[in-house]
């Protein structure tokens, strides 16, 4: 099953191309891309790469915290609705 999802979502060149086309039609994308490229050009590659790597690492903690809170809220909601059997 995991292999099937992997092929459908990550190893699918059609999906990547479709996502790229969709991304380019989203309002504000062209401006965001221009500004991103300006920032990238203003810093040398090593500094930009270091910044981006650390930003992703730092942001991961926030994402994990919100995800954990969301799981807790969903669990509480399921219990309140009687959809989850208590252990």
N, C-alpha and C. Protein backbone atom coordinates (compact mmCIF):
# COMPACT_ATOMS: atom_id res chain seq x y z
N UNK A 1 0.82 -1.18 0.00
CA UNK A 1 0.00 0.00 0.00
C UNK A 1 0.87 1.26 0.00
N UNK A 2 1.92 1.26 0.85
CA UNK A 2 2.80 2.41 0.91
C UNK A 2 3.49 2.64 -0.43
N UNK A 3 3.87 1.55 -1.09
CA UNK A 3 4.51 1.67 -2.40
C UNK A 3 3.54 2.28 -3.41
N UNK A 4 2.27 1.88 -3.34
CA UNK A 4 1.26 2.42 -4.24
C UNK A 4 1.12 3.93 -4.04
N UNK A 5 1.02 4.37 -2.77
CA UNK A 5 0.93 5.80 -2.50
C UNK A 5 2.16 6.54 -2.99
N UNK A 6 3.32 5.93 -2.79
CA UNK A 6 4.56 6.55 -3.24
C UNK A 6 4.55 6.74 -4.75
N UNK A 7 4.12 5.73 -5.48
CA UNK A 7 4.07 5.84 -6.94
C UNK A 7 3.04 6.87 -7.38
N UNK A 8 1.90 6.92 -6.70
CA UNK A 8 0.85 7.86 -7.07
C UNK A 8 1.23 9.31 -6.78
N UNK A 9 1.90 9.52 -5.64
CA UNK A 9 2.13 10.89 -5.20
C UNK A 9 3.52 11.43 -5.48
N UNK A 10 4.55 10.62 -5.32
CA UNK A 10 5.91 11.15 -5.45
C UNK A 10 6.60 10.71 -6.72
N UNK A 11 6.38 9.51 -7.17
CA UNK A 11 7.06 9.01 -8.36
C UNK A 11 6.19 9.19 -9.60
N UNK A 12 5.44 10.28 -9.63
CA UNK A 12 4.49 10.49 -10.70
C UNK A 12 4.83 11.80 -11.41
N UNK A 13 5.53 11.72 -12.55
CA UNK A 13 5.91 12.95 -13.25
C UNK A 13 4.70 13.76 -13.71
N UNK A 14 3.59 13.10 -14.03
CA UNK A 14 2.39 13.83 -14.43
C UNK A 14 1.88 14.70 -13.29
N UNK A 15 1.90 14.15 -12.08
CA UNK A 15 1.44 14.91 -10.92
C UNK A 15 2.32 16.14 -10.70
N UNK A 16 3.63 15.97 -10.81
CA UNK A 16 4.55 17.09 -10.63
C UNK A 16 4.31 18.17 -11.66
N UNK A 17 4.14 17.78 -12.91
CA UNK A 17 3.90 18.76 -13.98
C UNK A 17 2.57 19.47 -13.77
N UNK A 18 1.56 18.72 -13.37
CA UNK A 18 0.24 19.31 -13.12
C UNK A 18 0.31 20.29 -11.96
N UNK A 19 1.01 19.92 -10.89
CA UNK A 19 1.16 20.80 -9.73
C UNK A 19 1.91 22.08 -10.13
N UNK A 20 2.94 21.96 -10.95
CA UNK A 20 3.68 23.14 -11.40
C UNK A 20 2.78 24.07 -12.21
N UNK A 21 1.99 23.50 -13.11
CA UNK A 21 1.07 24.33 -13.91
C UNK A 21 0.04 25.01 -13.03
N UNK A 22 -0.50 24.28 -12.06
CA UNK A 22 -1.48 24.85 -11.15
C UNK A 22 -0.86 25.96 -10.31
N UNK A 23 0.32 25.71 -9.80
CA UNK A 23 1.03 26.70 -8.98
C UNK A 23 1.18 28.02 -9.72
N UNK A 24 1.50 27.94 -11.00
CA UNK A 24 1.74 29.15 -11.79
C UNK A 24 0.46 29.94 -12.05
N UNK A 25 -0.70 29.33 -11.87
CA UNK A 25 -1.97 30.03 -12.07
C UNK A 25 -2.51 30.64 -10.78
N UNK A 26 -1.93 30.28 -9.65
CA UNK A 26 -2.42 30.79 -8.37
C UNK A 26 -2.12 32.29 -8.24
N UNK A 27 -3.10 33.05 -7.74
CA UNK A 27 -2.89 34.49 -7.57
C UNK A 27 -1.70 34.77 -6.66
N UNK A 28 -0.83 35.66 -7.09
CA UNK A 28 0.32 36.05 -6.28
C UNK A 28 1.56 35.22 -6.50
N UNK A 29 1.46 34.13 -7.26
CA UNK A 29 2.63 33.26 -7.42
C UNK A 29 3.77 33.97 -8.15
N UNK A 30 3.47 34.66 -9.24
CA UNK A 30 4.53 35.30 -10.04
C UNK A 30 5.30 36.32 -9.19
N UNK A 31 4.57 37.10 -8.39
CA UNK A 31 5.21 38.08 -7.53
C UNK A 31 6.07 37.39 -6.46
N UNK A 32 5.53 36.34 -5.86
CA UNK A 32 6.29 35.61 -4.85
C UNK A 32 7.54 35.00 -5.45
N UNK A 33 7.45 34.48 -6.66
CA UNK A 33 8.61 33.88 -7.31
C UNK A 33 9.67 34.95 -7.59
N UNK A 34 9.25 36.11 -8.09
CA UNK A 34 10.20 37.20 -8.35
C UNK A 34 10.92 37.62 -7.08
N UNK A 35 10.16 37.81 -6.00
CA UNK A 35 10.76 38.25 -4.74
C UNK A 35 11.69 37.18 -4.17
N UNK A 36 11.31 35.94 -4.30
CA UNK A 36 12.15 34.82 -3.85
C UNK A 36 13.49 34.85 -4.60
N UNK A 37 13.42 35.01 -5.91
CA UNK A 37 14.63 35.02 -6.72
C UNK A 37 15.51 36.22 -6.40
N UNK A 38 14.89 37.37 -6.05
CA UNK A 38 15.68 38.55 -5.67
C UNK A 38 16.44 38.30 -4.37
N UNK A 39 15.77 37.70 -3.41
CA UNK A 39 16.43 37.40 -2.13
C UNK A 39 17.55 36.39 -2.35
N UNK A 40 17.27 35.38 -3.15
CA UNK A 40 18.28 34.35 -3.42
C UNK A 40 19.50 34.97 -4.11
N UNK A 41 19.27 35.89 -5.03
CA UNK A 41 20.39 36.51 -5.75
C UNK A 41 21.18 37.46 -4.86
N UNK A 42 20.51 38.09 -3.88
CA UNK A 42 21.18 39.05 -3.00
C UNK A 42 22.18 38.37 -2.07
N UNK A 43 21.94 37.14 -1.72
CA UNK A 43 22.85 36.39 -0.84
C UNK A 43 23.67 35.44 -1.70
N UNK A 44 24.87 35.15 -1.26
CA UNK A 44 25.61 34.14 -2.01
C UNK A 44 24.98 32.77 -1.74
N UNK A 45 25.32 31.80 -2.55
CA UNK A 45 24.66 30.50 -2.48
C UNK A 45 24.81 29.86 -1.10
N UNK A 46 26.01 29.89 -0.54
CA UNK A 46 26.24 29.23 0.76
C UNK A 46 25.39 29.85 1.87
N UNK A 47 25.33 31.18 1.90
CA UNK A 47 24.53 31.85 2.92
C UNK A 47 23.05 31.55 2.72
N UNK A 48 22.59 31.62 1.48
CA UNK A 48 21.17 31.35 1.20
C UNK A 48 20.83 29.90 1.57
N UNK A 49 21.69 28.97 1.19
CA UNK A 49 21.45 27.56 1.48
C UNK A 49 21.41 27.33 2.99
N UNK A 50 22.34 27.95 3.71
CA UNK A 50 22.36 27.81 5.17
C UNK A 50 21.10 28.39 5.79
N UNK A 51 20.70 29.58 5.34
CA UNK A 51 19.48 30.21 5.85
C UNK A 51 18.26 29.33 5.58
N UNK A 52 18.12 28.87 4.35
CA UNK A 52 16.95 28.09 3.98
C UNK A 52 16.90 26.77 4.77
N UNK A 53 18.03 26.12 4.92
CA UNK A 53 18.09 24.87 5.67
C UNK A 53 17.67 25.10 7.11
N UNK A 54 18.17 26.16 7.72
CA UNK A 54 17.82 26.45 9.12
C UNK A 54 16.37 26.89 9.26
N UNK A 55 15.85 27.61 8.28
CA UNK A 55 14.45 28.01 8.31
C UNK A 55 13.55 26.79 8.27
N UNK A 56 13.86 25.84 7.42
CA UNK A 56 13.06 24.61 7.34
C UNK A 56 13.16 23.81 8.63
N UNK A 57 14.35 23.73 9.18
CA UNK A 57 14.55 23.01 10.44
C UNK A 57 13.75 23.67 11.56
N UNK A 58 13.85 25.00 11.65
CA UNK A 58 13.13 25.76 12.67
C UNK A 58 11.62 25.63 12.49
N UNK A 59 11.14 25.78 11.27
CA UNK A 59 9.70 25.70 10.97
C UNK A 59 9.14 24.32 11.27
N UNK A 60 9.96 23.30 11.14
CA UNK A 60 9.51 21.94 11.42
C UNK A 60 9.00 21.79 12.85
N UNK A 61 9.62 22.49 13.79
CA UNK A 61 9.18 22.41 15.18
C UNK A 61 7.79 23.01 15.35
N UNK A 62 7.54 24.13 14.67
CA UNK A 62 6.22 24.74 14.72
C UNK A 62 5.17 23.84 14.10
N UNK A 63 5.50 23.27 12.97
CA UNK A 63 4.57 22.35 12.29
C UNK A 63 4.25 21.17 13.19
N UNK A 64 5.27 20.60 13.81
CA UNK A 64 5.05 19.46 14.71
C UNK A 64 4.16 19.83 15.89
N UNK A 65 4.37 21.03 16.45
CA UNK A 65 3.57 21.47 17.59
C UNK A 65 2.10 21.62 17.19
N UNK A 66 1.84 22.27 16.06
CA UNK A 66 0.46 22.44 15.60
C UNK A 66 -0.17 21.10 15.25
N UNK A 67 0.62 20.22 14.65
CA UNK A 67 0.10 18.89 14.30
C UNK A 67 -0.29 18.13 15.56
N UNK A 68 0.57 18.18 16.58
CA UNK A 68 0.27 17.49 17.82
C UNK A 68 -0.99 18.06 18.48
N UNK A 69 -1.12 19.39 18.47
CA UNK A 69 -2.32 20.02 19.02
C UNK A 69 -3.55 19.60 18.22
N UNK A 70 -3.42 19.56 16.91
CA UNK A 70 -4.54 19.16 16.06
C UNK A 70 -4.96 17.73 16.32
N UNK A 71 -3.99 16.86 16.52
CA UNK A 71 -4.32 15.47 16.84
C UNK A 71 -5.08 15.39 18.15
N UNK A 72 -4.62 16.16 19.14
CA UNK A 72 -5.29 16.18 20.43
C UNK A 72 -6.71 16.71 20.32
N UNK A 73 -6.89 17.77 19.55
CA UNK A 73 -8.23 18.34 19.37
C UNK A 73 -9.15 17.37 18.64
N UNK A 74 -8.61 16.71 17.63
CA UNK A 74 -9.43 15.73 16.89
C UNK A 74 -9.81 14.57 17.79
N UNK A 75 -8.86 14.13 18.63
CA UNK A 75 -9.16 13.04 19.55
C UNK A 75 -10.23 13.43 20.55
N UNK A 76 -10.13 14.66 21.09
CA UNK A 76 -11.13 15.14 22.05
C UNK A 76 -12.50 15.26 21.38
N UNK A 77 -12.52 15.77 20.16
CA UNK A 77 -13.77 15.90 19.43
C UNK A 77 -14.40 14.52 19.17
N UNK A 78 -13.57 13.57 18.76
CA UNK A 78 -14.08 12.21 18.51
C UNK A 78 -14.64 11.60 19.79
N UNK A 79 -13.97 11.81 20.92
CA UNK A 79 -14.47 11.28 22.19
C UNK A 79 -15.80 11.94 22.56
N UNK A 80 -15.88 13.27 22.40
CA UNK A 80 -17.10 13.99 22.74
C UNK A 80 -18.28 13.55 21.86
N UNK A 81 -18.00 13.23 20.62
CA UNK A 81 -19.05 12.78 19.71
C UNK A 81 -19.33 11.28 19.85
N UNK A 82 -18.57 10.63 20.71
CA UNK A 82 -18.76 9.20 20.91
C UNK A 82 -18.25 8.34 19.77
N UNK A 83 -17.32 8.91 19.00
CA UNK A 83 -16.77 8.19 17.86
C UNK A 83 -15.50 7.44 18.21
N UNK A 84 -15.01 7.64 19.40
CA UNK A 84 -13.74 7.05 19.80
C UNK A 84 -13.98 6.30 21.11
N UNK A 85 -13.61 5.05 21.15
CA UNK A 85 -13.80 4.30 22.38
C UNK A 85 -12.64 4.57 23.34
N UNK A 86 -12.92 4.97 24.58
CA UNK A 86 -11.84 5.25 25.54
C UNK A 86 -11.11 3.96 25.91
N UNK A 87 -9.83 4.10 26.18
CA UNK A 87 -9.01 2.93 26.56
C UNK A 87 -8.99 2.77 28.03
